[in-house]
Amino acid sequence: MAEAMVQMIQKAREQLSDLTHLELGSTLSVRKDDRVWHVQVEALEKKSLPDSQDILATYGVTLDEGGNVLDFARTSMRKRSETALPEGAEG
């Protein structure tokens, strides 16, 4: 399972980069359900000075069993200096 997970992360990152032409950062999560893989990746949307003002986005990518992207979407954006709140938390 771990080897398949690594392959899906690589495929998601390669295809997301090709589709968006953004500089990708960390892989935030990966999970598999019955038929598809879901990968979340952080990307640099806008470079700023100072770096703390960079705009980062989280993208969700869905892949089929063959590693083909079925869809992708930007799910959130933040300044690099802002910490992300856990899902369901209030700020």
C-alpha atoms as a PDB file:
ATOM      1  CA  MET A   1       0.000   0.000   0.000  1.00  0.00           C
ATOM      2  CA  ALA A   2       2.811   2.454   0.851  1.00  0.00           C
ATOM      3  CA  GLU A   3       4.420   2.000  -2.570  1.00  0.00           C
ATOM      4  CA  ALA A   4       1.102   2.659  -4.313  1.00  0.00           C
ATOM      5  CA  MET A   5       0.611   5.729  -2.136  1.00  0.00           C
ATOM      6  CA  VAL A   6       4.017   7.135  -3.121  1.00  0.00           C
ATOM      7  CA  GLN A   7       3.232   6.548  -6.806  1.00  0.00           C
ATOM      8  CA  MET A   8      -0.140   8.302  -6.543  1.00  0.00           C
ATOM      9  CA  ILE A   9       1.423  11.281  -4.775  1.00  0.00           C
ATOM     10  CA  GLN A  10       4.040  11.570  -7.526  1.00  0.00           C
ATOM     11  CA  LYS A  11       1.420  11.333 -10.275  1.00  0.00           C
ATOM     12  CA  ALA A  12      -0.862  13.853  -8.572  1.00  0.00           C
ATOM     13  CA  ARG A  13       1.994  16.336  -8.128  1.00  0.00           C
ATOM     14  CA  GLU A  14       3.268  15.950 -11.714  1.00  0.00           C
ATOM     15  CA  GLN A  15      -0.164  16.377 -13.242  1.00  0.00           C
ATOM     16  CA  LEU A  16      -1.193  19.234 -10.937  1.00  0.00           C
ATOM     17  CA  SER A  17       2.018  21.066 -11.824  1.00  0.00           C
ATOM     18  CA  ASP A  18       1.326  20.533 -15.540  1.00  0.00           C
ATOM     19  CA  LEU A  19      -2.264  21.740 -15.177  1.00  0.00           C
ATOM     20  CA  THR A  20      -1.659  24.803 -12.999  1.00  0.00           C
ATOM     21  CA  HIS A  21       1.981  25.757 -13.756  1.00  0.00           C
ATOM     22  CA  LEU A  22       2.355  26.561 -10.040  1.00  0.00           C
ATOM     23  CA  GLU A  23       5.326  25.847  -7.778  1.00  0.00           C
ATOM     24  CA  LEU A  24       4.226  23.017  -5.510  1.00  0.00           C
ATOM     25  CA  GLY A  25       5.103  22.765  -1.841  1.00  0.00           C
ATOM     26  CA  SER A  26       4.186  20.119   0.686  1.00  0.00           C
ATOM     27  CA  THR A  27       1.944  17.146   0.149  1.00  0.00           C
ATOM     28  CA  LEU A  28      -0.588  17.594   2.926  1.00  0.00           C
ATOM     29  CA  SER A  29      -2.560  14.371   2.766  1.00  0.00           C
ATOM     30  CA  VAL A  30      -3.338  11.269   0.746  1.00  0.00           C
ATOM     31  CA  ARG A  31      -6.118   8.752   1.166  1.00  0.00           C
ATOM     32  CA  LYS A  32      -7.836   6.073  -0.857  1.00  0.00           C
ATOM     33  CA  ASP A  33     -11.493   5.237  -0.828  1.00  0.00           C
ATOM     34  CA  ASP A  34     -13.255   2.433  -2.720  1.00  0.00           C
ATOM     35  CA  ARG A  35     -12.324   3.557  -6.230  1.00  0.00           C
ATOM     36  CA  VAL A  36     -10.196   6.704  -6.200  1.00  0.00           C
ATOM     37  CA  TRP A  37      -7.246   8.404  -4.532  1.00  0.00           C
ATOM     38  CA  HIS A  38      -7.473  11.871  -2.947  1.00  0.00           C
ATOM     39  CA  VAL A  39      -4.293  13.934  -2.609  1.00  0.00           C
ATOM     40  CA  GLN A  40      -3.957  17.421  -1.104  1.00  0.00           C
ATOM     41  CA  VAL A  41      -0.997  19.572  -2.119  1.00  0.00           C
ATOM     42  CA  GLU A  42       0.017  23.093  -1.168  1.00  0.00           C
ATOM     43  CA  ALA A  43       1.055  25.430  -4.000  1.00  0.00           C
ATOM     44  CA  LEU A  44       2.551  28.914  -4.245  1.00  0.00           C
ATOM     45  CA  GLU A  45      -0.143  31.075  -5.860  1.00  0.00           C
ATOM     46  CA  LYS A  46       1.653  34.432  -5.596  1.00  0.00           C
ATOM     47  CA  LYS A  47       5.245  35.238  -4.640  1.00  0.00           C
ATOM     48  CA  SER A  48       5.583  38.361  -2.466  1.00  0.00           C
ATOM     49  CA  LEU A  49       8.176  40.350  -0.574  1.00  0.00           C
ATOM     50  CA  PRO A  50       8.573  39.646   2.221  1.00  0.00           C
ATOM     51  CA  ASP A  51       8.041  35.881   1.866  1.00  0.00           C
ATOM     52  CA  SER A  52       5.622  35.940   4.792  1.00  0.00           C
ATOM     53  CA  GLN A  53       3.126  37.636   2.438  1.00  0.00           C
ATOM     54  CA  ASP A  54       3.277  34.844  -0.180  1.00  0.00           C
ATOM     55  CA  ILE A  55      -0.159  33.477  -1.056  1.00  0.00           C
ATOM     56  CA  LEU A  56      -0.374  29.694  -0.637  1.00  0.00           C
ATOM     57  CA  ALA A  57      -3.244  27.530  -1.822  1.00  0.00           C
ATOM     58  CA  THR A  58      -4.327  24.013  -1.019  1.00  0.00           C
ATOM     59  CA  TYR A  59      -5.397  21.896  -3.983  1.00  0.00           C
ATOM     60  CA  GLY A  60      -7.331  18.655  -3.822  1.00  0.00           C
ATOM     61  CA  VAL A  61      -6.640  16.161  -6.615  1.00  0.00           C
ATOM     62  CA  THR A  62      -8.682  13.034  -7.336  1.00  0.00           C
ATOM     63  CA  LEU A  63      -7.015  10.203  -9.275  1.00  0.00           C
ATOM     64  CA  ASP A  64      -8.340   6.921 -10.613  1.00  0.00           C
ATOM     65  CA  GLU A  65      -6.599   3.599  -9.928  1.00  0.00           C
ATOM     66  CA  GLY A  66      -4.347   4.192 -12.945  1.00  0.00           C
ATOM     67  CA  GLY A  67      -3.094   7.498 -11.584  1.00  0.00           C
ATOM     68  CA  ASN A  68      -5.054   9.669 -14.029  1.00  0.00           C
ATOM     69  CA  VAL A  69      -6.436  12.935 -12.668  1.00  0.00           C
ATOM     70  CA  LEU A  70     -10.227  12.882 -12.618  1.00  0.00           C
ATOM     71  CA  ASP A  71     -10.555  16.362 -11.152  1.00  0.00           C
ATOM     72  CA  PHE A  72      -8.763  18.972  -9.114  1.00  0.00           C
ATOM     73  CA  ALA A  73      -9.851  22.078  -7.234  1.00  0.00           C
ATOM     74  CA  ARG A  74      -8.358  24.816  -5.106  1.00  0.00           C
ATOM     75  CA  THR A  75      -9.890  24.291  -1.698  1.00  0.00           C
ATOM     76  CA  SER A  76      -8.334  27.127   0.313  1.00  0.00           C
ATOM     77  CA  MET A  77      -5.877  30.028   0.255  1.00  0.00           C
ATOM     78  CA  ARG A  78      -3.820  31.764   2.945  1.00  0.00           C
ATOM     79  CA  LYS A  79      -0.839  34.012   3.488  1.00  0.00           C
ATOM     80  CA  ARG A  80       2.312  32.083   4.377  1.00  0.00           C
ATOM     81  CA  SER A  81       2.414  33.902   7.738  1.00  0.00           C
ATOM     82  CA  GLU A  82      -1.060  32.658   8.693  1.00  0.00           C
ATOM     83  CA  THR A  83      -1.336  29.254  10.288  1.00  0.00           C
ATOM     84  CA  ALA A  84      -4.126  27.031   9.045  1.00  0.00           C
ATOM     85  CA  LEU A  85      -6.818  26.074  11.533  1.00  0.00           C
ATOM     86  CA  PRO A  86      -7.762  22.410  11.821  1.00  0.00           C
ATOM     87  CA  GLU A  87     -10.938  21.498   9.951  1.00  0.00           C
ATOM     88  CA  GLY A  88     -14.003  22.440  11.987  1.00  0.00           C
ATOM     89  CA  ALA A  89     -12.063  24.820  14.258  1.00  0.00           C
ATOM     90  CA  GLU A  90     -13.179  28.388  14.711  1.00  0.00           C
ATOM     91  CA  GLY A  91     -10.790  31.313  14.616  1.00  0.00           C
END
